[in-house]
Protein backbone atom coordinates (compact mmCIF):
# COMPACT_ATOMS: atom_id res chain seq x y z
CA MET A 1 296.32 -22.50 124.11
CA VAL A 2 293.82 -19.99 122.71
CA VAL A 3 291.86 -22.77 121.04
CA GLY A 4 291.58 -24.57 124.37
CA ILE A 5 290.27 -21.44 126.05
CA VAL A 6 287.66 -20.93 123.30
CA ALA A 7 286.58 -24.56 123.65
CA LEU A 8 286.34 -24.17 127.42
CA VAL A 9 284.16 -21.06 127.03
CA PHE A 10 281.72 -22.93 124.77
CA TRP A 11 281.69 -25.92 127.09
CA LEU A 12 281.10 -23.82 130.21
CA ALA A 13 278.40 -21.78 128.47
CA GLY A 14 276.56 -24.99 127.62
CA PHE A 15 276.70 -26.20 131.19
CA ALA A 16 275.69 -22.75 132.45
CA VAL A 17 272.50 -22.99 130.37
CA ILE A 18 271.78 -26.43 131.84
CA ALA A 19 272.48 -25.15 135.37
CA THR A 20 270.14 -22.20 134.84
CA GLN A 21 267.41 -24.53 133.62
CA MET A 22 267.91 -26.84 136.59
CA TRP A 23 267.78 -23.90 139.02
CA GLY A 24 264.48 -22.78 137.53
CA TYR A 25 263.13 -26.32 137.69
CA LEU A 26 264.05 -26.68 141.35
CA GLN A 27 262.22 -23.44 142.15
CA THR A 28 259.07 -23.97 140.06
CA ALA A 29 258.99 -27.70 139.20
CA THR A 30 258.55 -26.66 135.55
CA TRP A 31 261.30 -27.26 133.00
CA GLN A 32 261.88 -24.26 130.76
CA PRO A 33 263.41 -25.40 127.46
CA PHE A 34 265.97 -23.13 125.78
CA SER A 35 266.31 -24.04 122.12
CA PHE A 36 268.50 -22.76 119.33
CA ILE A 37 265.52 -20.60 118.24
CA ASP A 38 265.21 -19.13 121.75
CA ALA A 39 268.89 -18.17 121.61
CA GLY A 40 268.29 -16.58 118.22
CA ARG A 41 265.42 -14.54 119.61
CA LEU A 42 267.61 -13.42 122.51
CA PHE A 43 270.69 -12.43 120.52
CA SER A 44 269.20 -11.36 117.17
CA ASP A 45 266.52 -9.01 115.97
CA GLN A 46 265.74 -11.06 112.86
CA LEU A 47 262.00 -11.49 112.39
CA TRP A 48 262.46 -15.10 111.25
CA PHE A 49 263.19 -16.24 114.82
CA SER A 50 259.77 -15.12 116.04
CA GLN A 51 257.59 -15.27 112.91
CA PRO A 52 259.00 -17.66 110.29
CA ASN A 53 257.26 -17.64 106.91
CA GLN A 54 259.74 -19.84 105.05
CA TRP A 55 262.10 -22.69 105.89
CA LEU A 56 259.52 -23.96 108.37
CA GLY A 57 261.09 -27.41 108.60
CA LEU A 58 264.44 -25.91 109.55
CA TYR A 59 262.70 -23.70 112.10
CA ARG A 60 261.05 -26.73 113.73
CA ILE A 61 264.34 -28.64 113.87
CA LEU A 62 266.20 -25.68 115.40
CA ASP A 63 263.37 -25.18 117.88
CA TRP A 64 263.78 -28.79 118.96
CA ILE A 65 267.59 -28.68 119.45
CA PRO A 66 268.67 -27.50 122.92
CA VAL A 67 271.27 -24.72 122.77
CA SER A 68 273.15 -26.31 125.67
CA LEU A 69 273.78 -29.40 123.54
CA VAL A 70 275.05 -27.25 120.68
CA LEU A 71 277.45 -25.31 122.93
CA VAL A 72 278.88 -28.40 124.64
CA ALA A 73 279.25 -30.19 121.29
CA MET A 74 280.99 -27.17 119.75
CA GLY A 75 283.46 -27.06 122.64
CA TYR A 76 284.18 -30.76 122.23
CA LEU A 77 284.60 -30.46 118.46
CA ILE A 78 287.01 -27.57 118.88
CA VAL A 79 289.13 -29.63 121.28
CA ILE A 80 289.30 -32.73 119.07
CA SER A 81 290.03 -30.69 115.92
CA ASP A 82 293.04 -28.99 117.53
CA ASP A 83 295.56 -31.75 116.79
């Protein structure tokens, strides 16, 4: 039961990010991406998220991956692993 609730929270958070992006697009006609790096900047004070000086390839990959996709995928993986 608890695992299902955790999965639902991740899944809903992912769709909330998408809904927020769509709302902004409908108002301004400009899509604002929200990547894994953007989430890191928002929730962490680590300097690497704003000024990376090493692991630059990893930084570029994480900057390309949408956080909404990560959240929805994590929710799905939690559900299918709870057998």
